[in-house]
C-alpha atoms as a PDB file:
ATOM      1  CA  MET A   1      96.373  87.603  46.593  1.00  0.00           C
ATOM      2  CA  LYS A   2      92.868  88.854  47.221  1.00  0.00           C
ATOM      3  CA  LYS A   3      92.569  89.667  43.541  1.00  0.00           C
ATOM      4  CA  ILE A   4      93.566  86.123  42.594  1.00  0.00           C
ATOM      5  CA  ILE A   5      90.940  84.628  44.967  1.00  0.00           C
ATOM      6  CA  ILE A   6      88.209  86.937  43.617  1.00  0.00           C
ATOM      7  CA  ALA A   7      89.162  86.045  40.071  1.00  0.00           C
ATOM      8  CA  CYS A   8      88.968  82.351  40.899  1.00  0.00           C
ATOM      9  CA  GLN A   9      85.554  82.814  42.449  1.00  0.00           C
ATOM     10  CA  ILE A  10      84.324  84.605  39.347  1.00  0.00           C
ATOM     11  CA  VAL A  11      85.640  81.787  37.165  1.00  0.00           C
ATOM     12  CA  PHE A  12      83.842  79.174  39.280  1.00  0.00           C
ATOM     13  CA  VAL A  13      80.578  81.114  39.122  1.00  0.00           C
ATOM     14  CA  VAL A  14      80.790  81.450  35.355  1.00  0.00           C
ATOM     15  CA  PHE A  15      81.586  77.752  35.069  1.00  0.00           C
ATOM     16  CA  PHE A  16      78.568  76.742  37.118  1.00  0.00           C
ATOM     17  CA  LEU A  17      76.314  79.088  35.132  1.00  0.00           C
ATOM     18  CA  VAL A  18      77.473  77.563  31.865  1.00  0.00           C
ATOM     19  CA  LYS A  19      76.822  74.087  33.237  1.00  0.00           C
ATOM     20  CA  ALA A  20      73.360  75.047  34.357  1.00  0.00           C
ATOM     21  CA  LEU A  21      72.492  76.541  30.968  1.00  0.00           C
ATOM     22  CA  SER A  22      73.713  73.392  29.184  1.00  0.00           C
ATOM     23  CA  HIS A  23      71.427  71.210  31.349  1.00  0.00           C
ATOM     24  CA  ILE A  24      68.442  73.385  30.484  1.00  0.00           C
ATOM     25  CA  ASP A  25      69.073  72.917  26.717  1.00  0.00           C
ATOM     26  CA  LEU A  26      69.249  69.107  27.160  1.00  0.00           C
ATOM     27  CA  LEU A  27      65.925  69.045  28.976  1.00  0.00           C
ATOM     28  CA  LYS A  28      64.269  70.937  26.157  1.00  0.00           C
ATOM     29  CA  GLN A  29      65.432  68.277  23.667  1.00  0.00           C
ATOM     30  CA  ILE A  30      63.664  65.416  25.618  1.00  0.00           C
ATOM     31  CA  PRO A  31      60.233  64.471  23.918  1.00  0.00           C
ATOM     32  CA  PHE A  32      57.785  64.997  26.779  1.00  0.00           C
ATOM     33  CA  PRO A  33      54.044  64.141  26.368  1.00  0.00           C
ATOM     34  CA  ALA A  34      51.833  66.623  24.621  1.00  0.00           C
ATOM     35  CA  SER A  35      50.082  67.417  27.866  1.00  0.00           C
ATOM     36  CA  LEU A  36      53.360  68.661  29.427  1.00  0.00           C
ATOM     37  CA  SER A  37      55.542  71.571  28.454  1.00  0.00           C
ATOM     38  CA  TRP A  38      58.260  73.670  30.012  1.00  0.00           C
ATOM     39  CA  ASN A  39      57.919  77.360  30.701  1.00  0.00           C
ATOM     40  CA  SER A  40      60.625  79.787  31.056  1.00  0.00           C
ATOM     41  CA  GLY A  41      60.841  78.982  34.740  1.00  0.00           C
ATOM     42  CA  ASP A  42      61.756  75.324  33.835  1.00  0.00           C
ATOM     43  CA  GLU A  43      58.607  73.917  35.542  1.00  0.00           C
ATOM     44  CA  ALA A  44      56.392  71.158  34.054  1.00  0.00           C
ATOM     45  CA  ILE A  45      52.862  72.372  33.466  1.00  0.00           C
ATOM     46  CA  ALA A  46      49.945  70.060  32.443  1.00  0.00           C
ATOM     47  CA  GLN A  47      48.062  71.230  29.352  1.00  0.00           C
ATOM     48  CA  THR A  48      44.733  69.888  28.051  1.00  0.00           C
ATOM     49  CA  PRO A  49      44.469  69.457  24.249  1.00  0.00           C
ATOM     50  CA  ALA A  50      42.000  71.854  22.706  1.00  0.00           C
ATOM     51  CA  LYS A  51      38.552  70.452  21.767  1.00  0.00           C
ATOM     52  CA  ALA A  52      37.065  70.782  18.310  1.00  0.00           C
ATOM     53  CA  PRO A  53      34.481  73.511  18.216  1.00  0.00           C
ATOM     54  CA  THR A  54      30.872  72.230  18.395  1.00  0.00           C
ATOM     55  CA  PRO A  55      28.924  73.129  15.271  1.00  0.00           C
ATOM     56  CA  PRO A  56      25.848  75.175  15.900  1.00  0.00           C
ATOM     57  CA  PRO A  57      22.575  73.184  16.035  1.00  0.00           C
ATOM     58  CA  LYS A  58      20.744  72.866  12.745  1.00  0.00           C
ATOM     59  CA  ASP A  59      17.311  74.328  12.571  1.00  0.00           C
ATOM     60  CA  ILE A  60      14.513  71.624  12.222  1.00  0.00           C
ATOM     61  CA  THR A  61      11.921  72.544   9.671  1.00  0.00           C
ATOM     62  CA  ASP A  62       8.306  71.390   9.266  1.00  0.00           C
ATOM     63  CA  ASP A  63       9.317  69.294   6.269  1.00  0.00           C
ATOM     64  CA  ASP A  64      11.814  67.410   8.404  1.00  0.00           C
ATOM     65  CA  LEU A  65       9.166  66.796  11.025  1.00  0.00           C
ATOM     66  CA  GLN A  66       6.739  65.591   8.350  1.00  0.00           C
ATOM     67  CA  LYS A  67       9.324  63.195   6.959  1.00  0.00           C
ATOM     68  CA  GLU A  68      10.032  61.848  10.436  1.00  0.00           C
ATOM     69  CA  ARG A  69       6.304  61.331  11.005  1.00  0.00           C
ATOM     70  CA  GLU A  70       5.902  59.535   7.670  1.00  0.00           C
ATOM     71  CA  LEU A  71       8.902  57.315   8.398  1.00  0.00           C
ATOM     72  CA  LEU A  72       7.532  56.503  11.850  1.00  0.00           C
ATOM     73  CA  THR A  73       4.088  55.717  10.367  1.00  0.00           C
ATOM     74  CA  MET A  74       5.639  53.447   7.732  1.00  0.00           C
ATOM     75  CA  LEU A  75       7.676  51.597  10.352  1.00  0.00           C
ATOM     76  CA  GLN A  76       4.590  51.134  12.538  1.00  0.00           C
ATOM     77  CA  LYS A  77       2.620  49.821   9.529  1.00  0.00           C
ATOM     78  CA  LYS A  78       5.380  47.368   8.680  1.00  0.00           C
ATOM     79  CA  GLN A  79       5.475  46.232  12.261  1.00  0.00           C
ATOM     80  CA  LYS A  80       1.716  45.647  12.209  1.00  0.00           C
ATOM     81  CA  ASP A  81       2.030  43.724   8.928  1.00  0.00           C
ATOM     82  CA  LEU A  82       4.748  41.549  10.401  1.00  0.00           C
ATOM     83  CA  GLU A  83       2.649  40.896  13.485  1.00  0.00           C
ATOM     84  CA  ALA A  84      -0.359  40.031  11.296  1.00  0.00           C
ATOM     85  CA  ARG A  85       1.751  37.632   9.209  1.00  0.00           C
ATOM     86  CA  GLU A  86       3.153  36.069  12.329  1.00  0.00           C
ATOM     87  CA  ASN A  87      -0.354  35.562  13.711  1.00  0.00           C
ATOM     88  CA  ALA A  88      -1.489  34.110  10.360  1.00  0.00           C
ATOM     89  CA  LEU A  89       1.456  31.690  10.380  1.00  0.00           C
ATOM     90  CA  LYS A  90       0.619  30.651  13.913  1.00  0.00           C
ATOM     91  CA  ALA A  91      -3.003  30.070  12.883  1.00  0.00           C
ATOM     92  CA  GLU A  92      -1.864  28.005   9.890  1.00  0.00           C
ATOM     93  CA  GLU A  93       0.444  25.998  12.120  1.00  0.00           C
ATOM     94  CA  GLN A  94      -2.462  25.336  14.468  1.00  0.00           C
ATOM     95  CA  LYS A  95      -4.653  24.268  11.524  1.00  0.00           C
ATOM     96  CA  ILE A  96      -1.909  21.980  10.209  1.00  0.00           C
ATOM     97  CA  ALA A  97      -1.424  20.490  13.671  1.00  0.00           C
ATOM     98  CA  ALA A  98      -5.173  19.914  14.007  1.00  0.00           C
ATOM     99  CA  LEU A  99      -5.330  18.398  10.513  1.00  0.00           C
ATOM    100  CA  LYS A 100      -2.340  16.185  11.263  1.00  0.00           C
ATOM    101  CA  LYS A 101      -3.998  15.029  14.463  1.00  0.00           C
ATOM    102  CA  GLU A 102      -7.222  14.322  12.578  1.00  0.00           C
ATOM    103  CA  VAL A 103      -5.350  12.357   9.902  1.00  0.00           C
ATOM    104  CA  ILE A 104      -3.538  10.326  12.549  1.00  0.00           C
ATOM    105  CA  GLU A 105      -6.851   9.589  14.269  1.00  0.00           C
ATOM    106  CA  LYS A 106      -8.395   8.516  10.960  1.00  0.00           C
ATOM    107  CA  ILE A 107      -5.402   6.317  10.180  1.00  0.00           C
ATOM    108  CA  ASP A 108      -5.683   4.714  13.605  1.00  0.00           C
ATOM    109  CA  ALA A 109      -9.412   4.216  13.043  1.00  0.00           C
ATOM    110  CA  LEU A 110      -8.737   2.632   9.638  1.00  0.00           C
ATOM    111  CA  LYS A 111      -6.111   0.365  11.158  1.00  0.00           C
ATOM    112  CA  ALA A 112      -8.557  -0.670  13.850  1.00  0.00           C
ATOM    113  CA  LEU A 113     -11.224  -1.260  11.204  1.00  0.00           C
ATOM    114  CA  GLU A 114      -8.755  -3.265   9.128  1.00  0.00           C
ATOM    115  CA  THR A 115      -7.922  -5.366  12.159  1.00  0.00           C
ATOM    116  CA  GLN A 116     -11.617  -5.966  12.816  1.00  0.00           C
ATOM    117  CA  LEU A 117     -12.254  -6.853   9.172  1.00  0.00           C
ATOM    118  CA  ASN A 118      -9.286  -9.220   9.088  1.00  0.00           C
ATOM    119  CA  ALA A 119     -10.482 -10.859  12.279  1.00  0.00           C
ATOM    120  CA  LYS A 120     -13.976 -11.142  10.833  1.00  0.00           C
ATOM    121  CA  LEU A 121     -12.648 -12.553   7.565  1.00  0.00           C
ATOM    122  CA  ASP A 122     -10.486 -15.025   9.433  1.00  0.00           C
ATOM    123  CA  THR A 123     -13.491 -16.069  11.498  1.00  0.00           C
ATOM    124  CA  GLU A 124     -15.691 -16.438   8.414  1.00  0.00           C
ATOM    125  CA  LYS A 125     -12.952 -18.311   6.602  1.00  0.00           C
ATOM    126  CA  THR A 126     -12.540 -20.640   9.527  1.00  0.00           C
ATOM    127  CA  GLN A 127     -16.289 -21.179   9.663  1.00  0.00           C
ATOM    128  CA  ASP A 128     -16.444 -21.794   5.907  1.00  0.00           C
ATOM    129  CA  GLU A 129     -13.565 -24.236   6.096  1.00  0.00           C
ATOM    130  CA  LYS A 130     -15.211 -25.976   9.005  1.00  0.00           C
ATOM    131  CA  ARG A 131     -18.545 -26.108   7.149  1.00  0.00           C
ATOM    132  CA  PHE A 132     -16.877 -27.412   4.008  1.00  0.00           C
ATOM    133  CA  LYS A 133     -14.981 -30.054   5.983  1.00  0.00           C
ATOM    134  CA  GLU A 134     -18.207 -31.124   7.606  1.00  0.00           C
ATOM    135  CA  LEU A 135     -19.894 -31.307   4.217  1.00  0.00           C
ATOM    136  CA  ALA A 136     -16.937 -33.197   2.797  1.00  0.00           C
ATOM    137  CA  LYS A 137     -17.089 -35.600   5.689  1.00  0.00           C
ATOM    138  CA  VAL A 138     -20.818 -36.184   5.218  1.00  0.00           C
ATOM    139  CA  TYR A 139     -20.603 -36.421   1.432  1.00  0.00           C
ATOM    140  CA  GLU A 140     -17.116 -37.872   1.217  1.00  0.00           C
ATOM    141  CA  ALA A 141     -18.042 -40.601  -1.250  1.00  0.00           C
ATOM    142  CA  THR A 142     -20.983 -38.854  -2.921  1.00  0.00           C
ATOM    143  CA  PRO A 143     -21.247 -36.665  -6.024  1.00  0.00           C
ATOM    144  CA  PRO A 144     -22.400 -33.555  -4.091  1.00  0.00           C
ATOM    145  CA  GLN A 145     -18.988 -33.361  -2.418  1.00  0.00           C
ATOM    146  CA  LYS A 146     -17.192 -33.260  -5.785  1.00  0.00           C
ATOM    147  CA  ALA A 147     -19.611 -30.706  -7.215  1.00  0.00           C
ATOM    148  CA  ALA A 148     -19.279 -28.546  -4.095  1.00  0.00           C
ATOM    149  CA  ALA A 149     -15.479 -28.680  -4.277  1.00  0.00           C
ATOM    150  CA  MET A 150     -15.540 -27.533  -7.908  1.00  0.00           C
ATOM    151  CA  LEU A 151     -17.940 -24.677  -7.120  1.00  0.00           C
ATOM    152  CA  GLU A 152     -15.723 -23.690  -4.198  1.00  0.00           C
ATOM    153  CA  SER A 153     -12.695 -23.462  -6.497  1.00  0.00           C
ATOM    154  CA  PHE A 154     -14.530 -20.868  -8.607  1.00  0.00           C
ATOM    155  CA  GLY A 155     -15.709 -18.915  -5.576  1.00  0.00           C
ATOM    156  CA  VAL A 156     -19.376 -19.715  -6.200  1.00  0.00           C
ATOM    157  CA  ALA A 157     -21.620 -19.761  -3.138  1.00  0.00           C
ATOM    158  CA  PHE A 158     -23.804 -22.825  -2.802  1.00  0.00           C
ATOM    159  CA  ASP A 159     -26.351 -24.461  -0.555  1.00  0.00           C
ATOM    160  CA  VAL A 160     -26.503 -28.202   0.154  1.00  0.00           C
ATOM    161  CA  ARG A 161     -29.706 -29.979   1.182  1.00  0.00           C
ATOM    162  CA  VAL A 162     -30.734 -33.606   1.552  1.00  0.00           C
ATOM    163  CA  ILE A 163     -34.174 -33.952  -0.094  1.00  0.00           C
ATOM    164  CA  SER A 164     -36.029 -37.000  -1.403  1.00  0.00           C
ATOM    165  CA  ALA A 165     -38.532 -36.724  -4.232  1.00  0.00           C
ATOM    166  CA  HIS A 166     -40.386 -39.784  -2.909  1.00  0.00           C
ATOM    167  CA  ARG A 167     -39.948 -39.590   0.873  1.00  0.00           C
ATOM    168  CA  THR A 168     -40.241 -35.789   1.270  1.00  0.00           C
ATOM    169  CA  PRO A 169     -42.206 -34.609  -1.804  1.00  0.00           C
ATOM    170  CA  GLU A 170     -43.602 -31.510  -0.054  1.00  0.00           C
ATOM    171  CA  LEU A 171     -40.100 -30.425   0.985  1.00  0.00           C
ATOM    172  CA  ALA A 172     -38.824 -30.944  -2.566  1.00  0.00           C
ATOM    173  CA  SER A 173     -41.620 -28.895  -4.152  1.00  0.00           C
ATOM    174  CA  ASP A 174     -41.356 -26.152  -1.516  1.00  0.00           C
ATOM    175  CA  TYR A 175     -37.581 -25.913  -1.939  1.00  0.00           C
ATOM    176  CA  ALA A 176     -37.861 -25.593  -5.719  1.00  0.00           C
ATOM    177  CA  ALA A 177     -40.770 -23.116  -5.595  1.00  0.00           C
ATOM    178  CA  ASN A 178     -38.895 -20.747  -3.214  1.00  0.00           C
ATOM    179  CA  ALA A 179     -35.434 -21.146  -4.745  1.00  0.00           C
ATOM    180  CA  GLU A 180     -35.726 -18.072  -6.966  1.00  0.00           C
ATOM    181  CA  ALA A 181     -36.922 -15.879  -4.078  1.00  0.00           C
ATOM    182  CA  ARG A 182     -33.941 -17.056  -2.000  1.00  0.00           C
ATOM    183  CA  GLY A 183     -31.536 -15.818  -4.665  1.00  0.00           C
ATOM    184  CA  LEU A 184     -30.562 -19.137  -6.210  1.00  0.00           C
ATOM    185  CA  LYS A 185     -29.670 -19.133  -9.923  1.00  0.00           C
ATOM    186  CA  VAL A 186     -29.079 -22.825 -10.733  1.00  0.00           C
ATOM    187  CA  ILE A 187     -30.159 -26.096  -9.065  1.00  0.00           C
ATOM    188  CA  ILE A 188     -28.034 -29.247  -9.183  1.00  0.00           C
ATOM    189  CA  ALA A 189     -29.875 -32.464  -8.245  1.00  0.00           C
ATOM    190  CA  ALA A 190     -28.003 -35.733  -7.665  1.00  0.00           C
ATOM    191  CA  ALA A 191     -30.039 -38.950  -7.273  1.00  0.00           C
ATOM    192  CA  GLY A 192     -29.734 -42.671  -7.882  1.00  0.00           C
ATOM    193  CA  GLY A 193     -32.146 -45.497  -8.599  1.00  0.00           C
ATOM    194  CA  ALA A 194     -35.512 -44.145  -9.702  1.00  0.00           C
ATOM    195  CA  ALA A 195     -33.935 -40.688  -9.861  1.00  0.00           C
ATOM    196  CA  HIS A 196     -36.977 -38.409 -10.038  1.00  0.00           C
ATOM    197  CA  LEU A 197     -35.479 -35.608  -7.905  1.00  0.00           C
ATOM    198  CA  GLY A 198     -34.285 -33.507 -10.838  1.00  0.00           C
ATOM    199  CA  GLY A 199     -37.636 -33.773 -12.606  1.00  0.00           C
ATOM    200  CA  VAL A 200     -39.651 -32.889  -9.480  1.00  0.00           C
ATOM    201  CA  LEU A 201     -37.511 -29.819  -8.811  1.00  0.00           C
ATOM    202  CA  ALA A 202     -37.683 -28.722 -12.465  1.00  0.00           C
ATOM    203  CA  ALA A 203     -41.486 -29.022 -12.356  1.00  0.00           C
ATOM    204  CA  HIS A 204     -41.732 -26.433  -9.536  1.00  0.00           C
ATOM    205  CA  THR A 205     -39.225 -23.768 -10.655  1.00  0.00           C
ATOM    206  CA  VAL A 206     -38.209 -21.685 -13.668  1.00  0.00           C
ATOM    207  CA  LEU A 207     -34.533 -21.951 -12.740  1.00  0.00           C
ATOM    208  CA  PRO A 208     -32.281 -24.248 -14.784  1.00  0.00           C
ATOM    209  CA  VAL A 209     -31.890 -27.711 -13.227  1.00  0.00           C
ATOM    210  CA  ILE A 210     -28.854 -29.943 -13.748  1.00  0.00           C
ATOM    211  CA  GLY A 211     -29.275 -33.639 -12.959  1.00  0.00           C
ATOM    212  CA  ILE A 212     -26.497 -35.971 -11.787  1.00  0.00           C
ATOM    213  CA  PRO A 213     -27.348 -39.683 -12.152  1.00  0.00           C
ATOM    214  CA  VAL A 214     -25.646 -41.565  -9.333  1.00  0.00           C
ATOM    215  CA  ALA A 215     -24.323 -45.082 -10.061  1.00  0.00           C
ATOM    216  CA  GLY A 216     -25.486 -47.890  -7.775  1.00  0.00           C
ATOM    217  CA  GLY A 217     -28.169 -50.487  -7.282  1.00  0.00           C
ATOM    218  CA  ALA A 218     -28.944 -53.502  -9.433  1.00  0.00           C
ATOM    219  CA  LEU A 219     -28.543 -51.612 -12.701  1.00  0.00           C
ATOM    220  CA  ASN A 220     -25.406 -49.759 -11.582  1.00  0.00           C
ATOM    221  CA  GLY A 221     -26.858 -46.321 -12.301  1.00  0.00           C
ATOM    222  CA  LEU A 222     -28.450 -47.041 -15.664  1.00  0.00           C
ATOM    223  CA  ASP A 223     -31.916 -46.571 -14.177  1.00  0.00           C
ATOM    224  CA  ALA A 224     -30.860 -43.225 -12.620  1.00  0.00           C
ATOM    225  CA  LEU A 225     -29.482 -42.105 -15.995  1.00  0.00           C
ATOM    226  CA  TYR A 226     -32.724 -42.894 -17.815  1.00  0.00           C
ATOM    227  CA  ALA A 227     -34.915 -41.387 -15.065  1.00  0.00           C
ATOM    228  CA  THR A 228     -32.963 -38.123 -15.108  1.00  0.00           C
ATOM    229  CA  LEU A 229     -32.432 -37.958 -18.847  1.00  0.00           C
ATOM    230  CA  GLN A 230     -35.826 -39.024 -20.195  1.00  0.00           C
ATOM    231  CA  MET A 231     -37.864 -35.954 -19.227  1.00  0.00           C
ATOM    232  CA  PRO A 232     -41.051 -34.955 -21.068  1.00  0.00           C
ATOM    233  CA  ALA A 233     -41.167 -31.872 -23.271  1.00  0.00           C
ATOM    234  CA  GLY A 234     -41.508 -28.646 -21.347  1.00  0.00           C
ATOM    235  CA  VAL A 235     -39.657 -29.845 -18.219  1.00  0.00           C
ATOM    236  CA  PRO A 236     -35.968 -29.994 -19.201  1.00  0.00           C
ATOM    237  CA  VAL A 237     -33.265 -31.365 -16.936  1.00  0.00           C
ATOM    238  CA  ALA A 238     -29.687 -30.985 -18.166  1.00  0.00           C
ATOM    239  CA  THR A 239     -28.232 -34.423 -17.450  1.00  0.00           C
ATOM    240  CA  VAL A 240     -24.517 -35.131 -17.092  1.00  0.00           C
ATOM    241  CA  THR A 241     -22.667 -38.409 -17.290  1.00  0.00           C
ATOM    242  CA  LEU A 242     -22.475 -41.270 -14.831  1.00  0.00           C
ATOM    243  CA  GLY A 243     -19.345 -41.752 -12.769  1.00  0.00           C
ATOM    244  CA  SER A 244     -16.837 -39.344 -11.215  1.00  0.00           C
ATOM    245  CA  ALA A 245     -16.985 -36.919 -14.160  1.00  0.00           C
ATOM    246  CA  GLY A 246     -20.705 -36.274 -13.642  1.00  0.00           C
ATOM    247  CA  PRO A 247     -20.488 -34.016 -10.543  1.00  0.00           C
ATOM    248  CA  VAL A 248     -17.520 -32.109 -11.986  1.00  0.00           C
ATOM    249  CA  ASN A 249     -19.346 -31.419 -15.249  1.00  0.00           C
ATOM    250  CA  ALA A 250     -22.513 -30.451 -13.370  1.00  0.00           C
ATOM    251  CA  ALA A 251     -20.588 -27.812 -11.380  1.00  0.00           C
ATOM    252  CA  LEU A 252     -18.811 -26.540 -14.513  1.00  0.00           C
ATOM    253  CA  LEU A 253     -22.111 -26.296 -16.388  1.00  0.00           C
ATOM    254  CA  ALA A 254     -23.530 -24.264 -13.485  1.00  0.00           C
ATOM    255  CA  VAL A 255     -20.481 -21.978 -13.639  1.00  0.00           C
ATOM    256  CA  GLN A 256     -21.006 -21.479 -17.376  1.00  0.00           C
ATOM    257  CA  ILE A 257     -24.675 -20.606 -16.844  1.00  0.00           C
ATOM    258  CA  LEU A 258     -23.804 -18.114 -14.105  1.00  0.00           C
ATOM    259  CA  GLY A 259     -20.956 -16.723 -16.230  1.00  0.00           C
ATOM    260  CA  THR A 260     -23.391 -15.467 -18.862  1.00  0.00           C
ATOM    261  CA  ALA A 261     -24.295 -12.668 -16.432  1.00  0.00           C
ATOM    262  CA  ASP A 262     -20.977 -12.465 -14.570  1.00  0.00           C
ATOM    263  CA  PRO A 263     -17.927 -11.463 -16.702  1.00  0.00           C
ATOM    264  CA  GLU A 264     -15.494 -12.137 -13.870  1.00  0.00           C
ATOM    265  CA  LEU A 265     -16.772 -15.674 -13.412  1.00  0.00           C
ATOM    266  CA  ARG A 266     -16.695 -16.187 -17.176  1.00  0.00           C
ATOM    267  CA  GLU A 267     -13.009 -15.193 -17.253  1.00  0.00           C
ATOM    268  CA  LYS A 268     -12.299 -17.652 -14.437  1.00  0.00           C
ATOM    269  CA  PHE A 269     -13.879 -20.412 -16.506  1.00  0.00           C
ATOM    270  CA  ARG A 270     -11.804 -19.312 -19.513  1.00  0.00           C
ATOM    271  CA  ALA A 271      -8.665 -19.593 -17.397  1.00  0.00           C
ATOM    272  CA  TYR A 272      -9.808 -23.061 -16.286  1.00  0.00           C
ATOM    273  CA  LYS A 273     -10.149 -24.140 -19.933  1.00  0.00           C
ATOM    274  CA  ASP A 274      -6.673 -22.794 -20.689  1.00  0.00           C
ATOM    275  CA  GLY A 275      -5.372 -24.798 -17.739  1.00  0.00           C
ATOM    276  CA  LEU A 276      -6.803 -27.953 -19.304  1.00  0.00           C
ATOM    277  CA  LYS A 277      -4.806 -27.211 -22.461  1.00  0.00           C
ATOM    278  CA  ASP A 278      -1.650 -26.822 -20.397  1.00  0.00           C
ATOM    279  CA  LYS A 279      -2.296 -30.131 -18.665  1.00  0.00           C
ATOM    280  CA  VAL A 280      -2.696 -31.866 -22.039  1.00  0.00           C
ATOM    281  CA  ALA A 281       0.552 -30.326 -23.300  1.00  0.00           C
ATOM    282  CA  GLU A 282       2.328 -31.365 -20.099  1.00  0.00           C
ATOM    283  CA  GLY A 283       1.005 -34.908 -20.394  1.00  0.00           C
ATOM    284  CA  ASN A 284       2.102 -35.087 -24.011  1.00  0.00           C
ATOM    285  CA  ALA A 285       5.616 -33.940 -23.092  1.00  0.00           C
ATOM    286  CA  LYS A 286       5.852 -36.651 -20.419  1.00  0.00           C
ATOM    287  CA  VAL A 287       4.668 -39.296 -22.866  1.00  0.00           C
ATOM    288  CA  GLN A 288       7.227 -38.206 -25.448  1.00  0.00           C
ATOM    289  CA  VAL A 289      10.052 -38.427 -22.918  1.00  0.00           C
ATOM    290  CA  THR A 290       8.884 -41.862 -21.792  1.00  0.00           C
ATOM    291  CA  ALA A 291       8.550 -43.139 -25.365  1.00  0.00           C
ATOM    292  CA  ARG A 292      12.037 -41.950 -26.386  1.00  0.00           C
ATOM    293  CA  ARG A 293      13.583 -43.526 -23.307  1.00  0.00           C
ATOM    294  CA  ALA A 294      11.794 -46.793 -24.012  1.00  0.00           C
ATOM    295  CA  VAL A 295      13.052 -46.824 -27.626  1.00  0.00           C
ATOM    296  CA  ARG A 296      16.640 -46.111 -26.557  1.00  0.00           C
ATOM    297  CA  GLU A 297      16.654 -48.715 -23.782  1.00  0.00           C
ATOM    298  CA  SER A 298      14.825 -51.435 -25.726  1.00  0.00           C
ATOM    299  CA  PRO A 299      17.026 -54.449 -26.601  1.00  0.00           C
ATOM    300  CA  VAL A 300      14.933 -55.015 -29.694  1.00  0.00           C
ATOM    301  CA  ARG A 301      16.041 -52.926 -32.628  1.00  0.00           C
ATOM    302  CA  ALA A 302      13.291 -50.741 -33.944  1.00  0.00           C
ATOM    303  CA  PRO A 303      12.316 -51.096 -37.597  1.00  0.00           C
ATOM    304  CA  ARG A 304      14.155 -48.799 -39.974  1.00  0.00           C
ATOM    305  CA  TRP A 305      11.014 -46.830 -40.676  1.00  0.00           C
ATOM    306  CA  ILE A 306      10.784 -45.798 -36.974  1.00  0.00           C
ATOM    307  CA  ARG A 307      13.100 -43.030 -35.782  1.00  0.00           C
ATOM    308  CA  THR A 308      14.896 -43.238 -32.474  1.00  0.00           C
ATOM    309  CA  ASP A 309      12.716 -40.409 -31.141  1.00  0.00           C
ATOM    310  CA  GLY A 310       9.623 -42.607 -31.555  1.00  0.00           C
ATOM    311  CA  THR A 311       8.238 -40.888 -34.659  1.00  0.00           C
ATOM    312  CA  ALA A 312       7.723 -42.688 -37.979  1.00  0.00           C
ATOM    313  CA  ARG A 313       9.608 -41.913 -41.133  1.00  0.00           C
ATOM    314  CA  GLY A 314       8.345 -42.478 -44.670  1.00  0.00           C
ATOM    315  CA  ARG A 315       8.892 -45.865 -46.321  1.00  0.00           C
ATOM    316  CA  GLY A 316       9.279 -44.606 -49.886  1.00  0.00           C
END
């Protein structure tokens, strides 16, 4: 019996040993981290992975040092160049800003000057208009007003005076004698009756004198025409016609005389002459339209030798 019990104990011991050995084999098959491993005593031990060996330091030669110095010098030079360029750009920006400010100031000054000039021109224009209106009011029904209006249309400056050859002879002679020194180029004299004003002025100046005979009095201007026209040799007075055309022609003749030395004024007079042609053509067109309408609307039949457009056809 004792032998059987001992045998059973031996069997149990062997069984447990086999079991233990099988567990150890299973543990070895488990993938543990690289830092852990199992020794023969079945204990986990931490292991540090091996480091790569550090290469030995390289020896630095004088050539390497020289290259490093040259590279450092080149970098410093480039840095200085960049700083110099940056400073130059800043200086240019300051110059541009100053120039821009100066330009803006000049523009503002020009605008202010333009405003002043416009105000001055407006004031002068208002004064001229006022002066012309006053002259027109004074000479509303007289030839000087018409002559002044024509001169104004050409932009010719003029001076208007009331002078009598008989009542103020000294004033007339003094005015004519000093006309050239005052910058006058042509004198226009309008007078009626015994119209000696043009002749008196012409006797005291070398400037051209244009006479306007003014209608009125017992002879209705015929005496003024003869007095202005019939001048002795050596004292010419260019005399224009009686009536409303006289002042206009006197002003136009003055413009022509001035235009001999002023191309711009001469071109203005040329444009005026072209305008007269246009007015004639316009008047002719109106007449033609009126004549054709009259022929069409007339109850009387026109003769066969007259066309319906108002023109004549041949009788042959």
